[in-house]
Every structure is written in structure tokens, then in C-alpha cells.
PDB file of all heavy atoms in Angstrom:
ATOM      1  N   GLY A   1       0.771  -1.228   0.000  1.00  0.00           N
ATOM      2  CA  GLY A   1       0.000   0.000   0.000  1.00  0.00           C
ATOM      3  C   GLY A   1       0.805   1.282   0.000  1.00  0.00           C
ATOM      4  O   GLY A   1       0.243   2.361   0.197  1.00  0.00           O
ATOM      5  N   LEU A   2       2.104   1.214  -0.226  1.00  0.00           N
ATOM      6  CA  LEU A   2       2.937   2.422  -0.309  1.00  0.00           C
ATOM      7  C   LEU A   2       2.959   2.862  -1.768  1.00  0.00           C
ATOM      8  O   LEU A   2       3.698   2.315  -2.588  1.00  0.00           O
ATOM      9  CB  LEU A   2       4.345   2.147   0.214  1.00  0.00           C
ATOM     10  CG  LEU A   2       4.431   1.566   1.631  1.00  0.00           C
ATOM     11  CD1 LEU A   2       5.887   1.344   2.032  1.00  0.00           C
ATOM     12  CD2 LEU A   2       3.725   2.461   2.639  1.00  0.00           C
ATOM     13  N   GLU A   3       2.149   3.846  -2.095  1.00  0.00           N
ATOM     14  CA  GLU A   3       1.924   4.229  -3.484  1.00  0.00           C
ATOM     15  C   GLU A   3       2.747   5.427  -3.941  1.00  0.00           C
ATOM     16  O   GLU A   3       2.929   5.638  -5.133  1.00  0.00           O
ATOM     17  CB  GLU A   3       0.436   4.541  -3.700  1.00  0.00           C
ATOM     18  CG  GLU A   3      -0.489   3.371  -3.432  1.00  0.00           C
ATOM     19  CD  GLU A   3      -0.352   2.257  -4.459  1.00  0.00           C
ATOM     20  OE1 GLU A   3      -0.011   2.561  -5.616  1.00  0.00           O
ATOM     21  OE2 GLU A   3      -0.586   1.086  -4.100  1.00  0.00           O
ATOM     22  N   HIS A   4       3.223   6.225  -2.982  1.00  0.00           N
ATOM     23  CA  HIS A   4       3.939   7.459  -3.308  1.00  0.00           C
ATOM     24  C   HIS A   4       5.115   7.637  -2.351  1.00  0.00           C
ATOM     25  O   HIS A   4       5.116   7.066  -1.253  1.00  0.00           O
ATOM     26  CB  HIS A   4       3.005   8.668  -3.199  1.00  0.00           C
ATOM     27  CG  HIS A   4       1.869   8.639  -4.170  1.00  0.00           C
ATOM     28  ND1 HIS A   4       1.963   9.134  -5.450  1.00  0.00           N
ATOM     29  CD2 HIS A   4       0.606   8.151  -4.040  1.00  0.00           C
ATOM     30  CE1 HIS A   4       0.807   8.967  -6.080  1.00  0.00           C
ATOM     31  NE2 HIS A   4      -0.025   8.373  -5.249  1.00  0.00           N
ATOM     32  N   PRO A   5       6.106   8.445  -2.749  1.00  0.00           N
ATOM     33  CA  PRO A   5       7.225   8.698  -1.841  1.00  0.00           C
ATOM     34  C   PRO A   5       6.783   9.172  -0.458  1.00  0.00           C
ATOM     35  O   PRO A   5       7.371   8.770   0.556  1.00  0.00           O
ATOM     36  CB  PRO A   5       8.035   9.771  -2.576  1.00  0.00           C
ATOM     37  CG  PRO A   5       7.804   9.461  -4.027  1.00  0.00           C
ATOM     38  CD  PRO A   5       6.358   9.028  -4.087  1.00  0.00           C
ATOM     39  N   ALA A   6       5.746   9.996  -0.401  1.00  0.00           N
ATOM     40  CA  ALA A   6       5.271  10.477   0.898  1.00  0.00           C
ATOM     41  C   ALA A   6       4.816   9.330   1.792  1.00  0.00           C
ATOM     42  O   ALA A   6       4.984   9.384   3.012  1.00  0.00           O
ATOM     43  CB  ALA A   6       4.136  11.486   0.708  1.00  0.00           C
ATOM     44  N   ASP A   7       4.230   8.289   1.194  1.00  0.00           N
ATOM     45  CA  ASP A   7       3.814   7.126   1.979  1.00  0.00           C
ATOM     46  C   ASP A   7       5.019   6.446   2.618  1.00  0.00           C
ATOM     47  O   ASP A   7       4.962   5.991   3.763  1.00  0.00           O
ATOM     48  CB  ASP A   7       3.071   6.120   1.094  1.00  0.00           C
ATOM     49  CG  ASP A   7       1.798   6.683   0.494  1.00  0.00           C
ATOM     50  OD1 ASP A   7       1.176   7.557   1.122  1.00  0.00           O
ATOM     51  OD2 ASP A   7       1.435   6.251  -0.623  1.00  0.00           O
ATOM     52  N   CYS A   8       6.102   6.375   1.863  1.00  0.00           N
ATOM     53  CA  CYS A   8       7.316   5.742   2.389  1.00  0.00           C
ATOM     54  C   CYS A   8       7.904   6.567   3.528  1.00  0.00           C
ATOM     55  O   CYS A   8       8.348   6.010   4.546  1.00  0.00           O
ATOM     56  CB  CYS A   8       8.354   5.590   1.277  1.00  0.00           C
ATOM     57  SG  CYS A   8       7.893   4.405  -0.001  1.00  0.00           S
ATOM     58  N   LEU A   9       7.912   7.881   3.375  1.00  0.00           N
ATOM     59  CA  LEU A   9       8.459   8.716   4.435  1.00  0.00           C
ATOM     60  C   LEU A   9       7.636   8.585   5.716  1.00  0.00           C
ATOM     61  O   LEU A   9       8.190   8.570   6.817  1.00  0.00           O
ATOM     62  CB  LEU A   9       8.515  10.171   3.984  1.00  0.00           C
ATOM     63  CG  LEU A   9       9.419  10.478   2.789  1.00  0.00           C
ATOM     64  CD1 LEU A   9       9.527  11.980   2.582  1.00  0.00           C
ATOM     65  CD2 LEU A   9      10.796   9.859   2.946  1.00  0.00           C
ATOM     66  N   THR A  10       6.324   8.480   5.563  1.00  0.00           N
ATOM     67  CA  THR A  10       5.476   8.258   6.730  1.00  0.00           C
ATOM     68  C   THR A  10       5.801   6.918   7.387  1.00  0.00           C
ATOM     69  O   THR A  10       5.931   6.815   8.613  1.00  0.00           O
ATOM     70  CB  THR A  10       3.990   8.311   6.339  1.00  0.00           C
ATOM     71  OG1 THR A  10       3.682   9.607   5.822  1.00  0.00           O
ATOM     72  CG2 THR A  10       3.093   8.020   7.537  1.00  0.00           C
ATOM     73  N   ALA A  11       5.943   5.876   6.551  1.00  0.00           N
ATOM     74  CA  ALA A  11       6.248   4.545   7.077  1.00  0.00           C
ATOM     75  C   ALA A  11       7.597   4.514   7.790  1.00  0.00           C
ATOM     76  O   ALA A  11       7.770   3.817   8.798  1.00  0.00           O
ATOM     77  CB  ALA A  11       6.231   3.524   5.940  1.00  0.00           C
ATOM     78  N   LEU A  12       8.547   5.291   7.284  1.00  0.00           N
ATOM     79  CA  LEU A  12       9.881   5.299   7.875  1.00  0.00           C
ATOM     80  C   LEU A  12       9.941   6.025   9.208  1.00  0.00           C
ATOM     81  O   LEU A  12      10.967   5.968   9.905  1.00  0.00           O
ATOM     82  CB  LEU A  12      10.873   5.928   6.889  1.00  0.00           C
ATOM     83  CG  LEU A  12      11.233   5.047   5.682  1.00  0.00           C
ATOM     84  CD1 LEU A  12      12.002   5.841   4.642  1.00  0.00           C
ATOM     85  CD2 LEU A  12      12.026   3.823   6.114  1.00  0.00           C
ATOM     86  N   GLN A  13       8.872   6.670   9.588  1.00  0.00           N
ATOM     87  CA  GLN A  13       8.831   7.272  10.917  1.00  0.00           C
ATOM     88  C   GLN A  13       8.713   6.198  12.000  1.00  0.00           C
ATOM     89  O   GLN A  13       9.090   6.429  13.157  1.00  0.00           O
ATOM     90  CB  GLN A  13       7.648   8.238  11.031  1.00  0.00           C
ATOM     91  CG  GLN A  13       7.696   9.414  10.065  1.00  0.00           C
ATOM     92  CD  GLN A  13       8.824  10.381  10.358  1.00  0.00           C
ATOM     93  OE1 GLN A  13       9.344  10.419  11.471  1.00  0.00           O
ATOM     94  NE2 GLN A  13       9.205  11.164   9.371  1.00  0.00           N
ATOM     95  N   THR A  14       8.195   5.039  11.631  1.00  0.00           N
ATOM     96  CA  THR A  14       7.971   3.995  12.638  1.00  0.00           C
ATOM     97  C   THR A  14       8.651   2.667  12.317  1.00  0.00           C
ATOM     98  O   THR A  14       8.790   1.825  13.198  1.00  0.00           O
ATOM     99  CB  THR A  14       6.464   3.737  12.810  1.00  0.00           C
ATOM    100  OG1 THR A  14       5.877   3.476  11.531  1.00  0.00           O
ATOM    101  CG2 THR A  14       5.773   4.958  13.421  1.00  0.00           C
ATOM    102  N   CYS A  15       9.047   2.477  11.052  1.00  0.00           N
ATOM    103  CA  CYS A  15       9.707   1.227  10.644  1.00  0.00           C
ATOM    104  C   CYS A  15      11.084   1.537  10.082  1.00  0.00           C
ATOM    105  O   CYS A  15      11.394   2.676   9.727  1.00  0.00           O
ATOM    106  CB  CYS A  15       8.856   0.477   9.608  1.00  0.00           C
ATOM    107  SG  CYS A  15       7.292  -0.134  10.273  1.00  0.00           S
ATOM    108  N   ASP A  16      11.892   0.501   9.955  1.00  0.00           N
ATOM    109  CA  ASP A  16      13.276   0.688   9.525  1.00  0.00           C
ATOM    110  C   ASP A  16      13.438   0.754   8.018  1.00  0.00           C
ATOM    111  O   ASP A  16      14.470   1.216   7.522  1.00  0.00           O
ATOM    112  CB  ASP A  16      14.141  -0.465  10.056  1.00  0.00           C
ATOM    113  CG  ASP A  16      14.065  -0.579  11.567  1.00  0.00           C
ATOM    114  OD1 ASP A  16      14.250   0.450  12.232  1.00  0.00           O
ATOM    115  OD2 ASP A  16      13.804  -1.695  12.073  1.00  0.00           O
ATOM    116  N   GLY A  17      12.457   0.265   7.286  1.00  0.00           N
ATOM    117  CA  GLY A  17      12.545   0.259   5.832  1.00  0.00           C
ATOM    118  C   GLY A  17      11.167   0.320   5.216  1.00  0.00           C
ATOM    119  O   GLY A  17      10.161  -0.015   5.846  1.00  0.00           O
ATOM    120  N   ALA A  18      11.126   0.767   3.959  1.00  0.00           N
ATOM    121  CA  ALA A  18       9.886   0.837   3.200  1.00  0.00           C
ATOM    122  C   ALA A  18      10.109   0.158   1.859  1.00  0.00           C
ATOM    123  O   ALA A  18      11.069   0.482   1.144  1.00  0.00           O
ATOM    124  CB  ALA A  18       9.454   2.289   2.997  1.00  0.00           C
ATOM    125  N   MET A  19       9.233  -0.792   1.527  1.00  0.00           N
ATOM    126  CA  MET A  19       9.332  -1.528   0.270  1.00  0.00           C
ATOM    127  C   MET A  19       8.116  -1.230  -0.598  1.00  0.00           C
ATOM    128  O   MET A  19       6.978  -1.302  -0.132  1.00  0.00           O
ATOM    129  CB  MET A  19       9.407  -3.042   0.533  1.00  0.00           C
ATOM    130  CG  MET A  19       9.332  -3.894  -0.736  1.00  0.00           C
ATOM    131  SD  MET A  19       9.312  -5.678  -0.393  1.00  0.00           S
ATOM    132  CE  MET A  19      11.073  -5.960  -0.137  1.00  0.00           C
ATOM    133  N   VAL A  20       8.365  -0.878  -1.851  1.00  0.00           N
ATOM    134  CA  VAL A  20       7.277  -0.651  -2.802  1.00  0.00           C
ATOM    135  C   VAL A  20       7.301  -1.756  -3.856  1.00  0.00           C
ATOM    136  O   VAL A  20       8.361  -2.301  -4.184  1.00  0.00           O
ATOM    137  CB  VAL A  20       7.368   0.730  -3.478  1.00  0.00           C
ATOM    138  CG1 VAL A  20       7.248   1.835  -2.450  1.00  0.00           C
ATOM    139  CG2 VAL A  20       8.656   0.877  -4.274  1.00  0.00           C
ATOM    140  N   GLY A  21       6.135  -2.099  -4.358  1.00  0.00           N
ATOM    141  CA  GLY A  21       6.023  -3.166  -5.341  1.00  0.00           C
ATOM    142  C   GLY A  21       5.406  -2.693  -6.635  1.00  0.00           C
ATOM    143  O   GLY A  21       6.071  -2.080  -7.467  1.00  0.00           O
ATOM    144  N   ARG A  22       4.102  -2.957  -6.807  1.00  0.00           N
ATOM    145  CA  ARG A  22       3.434  -2.659  -8.076  1.00  0.00           C
ATOM    146  C   ARG A  22       3.509  -1.185  -8.433  1.00  0.00           C
ATOM    147  O   ARG A  22       3.541  -0.839  -9.616  1.00  0.00           O
ATOM    148  CB  ARG A  22       1.974  -3.113  -8.021  1.00  0.00           C
ATOM    149  CG  ARG A  22       1.805  -4.587  -7.680  1.00  0.00           C
ATOM    150  CD  ARG A  22       2.214  -5.495  -8.805  1.00  0.00           C
ATOM    151  NE  ARG A  22       2.531  -6.834  -8.320  1.00  0.00           N
ATOM    152  CZ  ARG A  22       2.870  -7.862  -9.114  1.00  0.00           C
ATOM    153  NH1 ARG A  22       2.929  -7.688 -10.415  1.00  0.00           N
ATOM    154  NH2 ARG A  22       3.160  -9.035  -8.608  1.00  0.00           N
ATOM    155  N   ALA A  23       3.528  -0.302  -7.455  1.00  0.00           N
ATOM    156  CA  ALA A  23       3.607   1.124  -7.748  1.00  0.00           C
ATOM    157  C   ALA A  23       4.943   1.495  -8.387  1.00  0.00           C
ATOM    158  O   ALA A  23       5.018   2.448  -9.161  1.00  0.00           O
ATOM    159  CB  ALA A  23       3.390   1.947  -6.476  1.00  0.00           C
ATOM    160  N   ALA A  24       5.991   0.743  -8.073  1.00  0.00           N
ATOM    161  CA  ALA A  24       7.285   0.986  -8.718  1.00  0.00           C
ATOM    162  C   ALA A  24       7.275   0.478 -10.154  1.00  0.00           C
ATOM    163  O   ALA A  24       7.853   1.103 -11.051  1.00  0.00           O
ATOM    164  CB  ALA A  24       8.409   0.323  -7.935  1.00  0.00           C
ATOM    165  N   TYR A  25       6.614  -0.653 -10.370  1.00  0.00           N
ATOM    166  CA  TYR A  25       6.579  -1.203 -11.728  1.00  0.00           C
ATOM    167  C   TYR A  25       5.677  -0.363 -12.629  1.00  0.00           C
ATOM    168  O   TYR A  25       6.002  -0.109 -13.786  1.00  0.00           O
ATOM    169  CB  TYR A  25       6.087  -2.647 -11.714  1.00  0.00           C
ATOM    170  CG  TYR A  25       6.307  -3.335 -13.045  1.00  0.00           C
ATOM    171  CD1 TYR A  25       7.561  -3.850 -13.376  1.00  0.00           C
ATOM    172  CD2 TYR A  25       5.281  -3.448 -13.982  1.00  0.00           C
ATOM    173  CE1 TYR A  25       7.791  -4.446 -14.604  1.00  0.00           C
ATOM    174  CE2 TYR A  25       5.493  -4.052 -15.209  1.00  0.00           C
ATOM    175  CZ  TYR A  25       6.754  -4.552 -15.520  1.00  0.00           C
ATOM    176  OH  TYR A  25       6.979  -5.137 -16.738  1.00  0.00           O
TER     177      TYR A  25
END
């Protein structure tokens, strides 16, 4: 569900890494 860079930055506030899948492809 990480669709945009902003989603990853939000996720990185609480987790050590953010992985994107279909949105990158």
C-alpha cells in the first residue's frame, strides 16, 4: 500500500525500511 514517496516517508517514521512493489513497476 505504499503508493507514493510520501507514503514511504510516513512509514519510515515507525519502521526501519519501506518496500514498494506494483507502484514501482
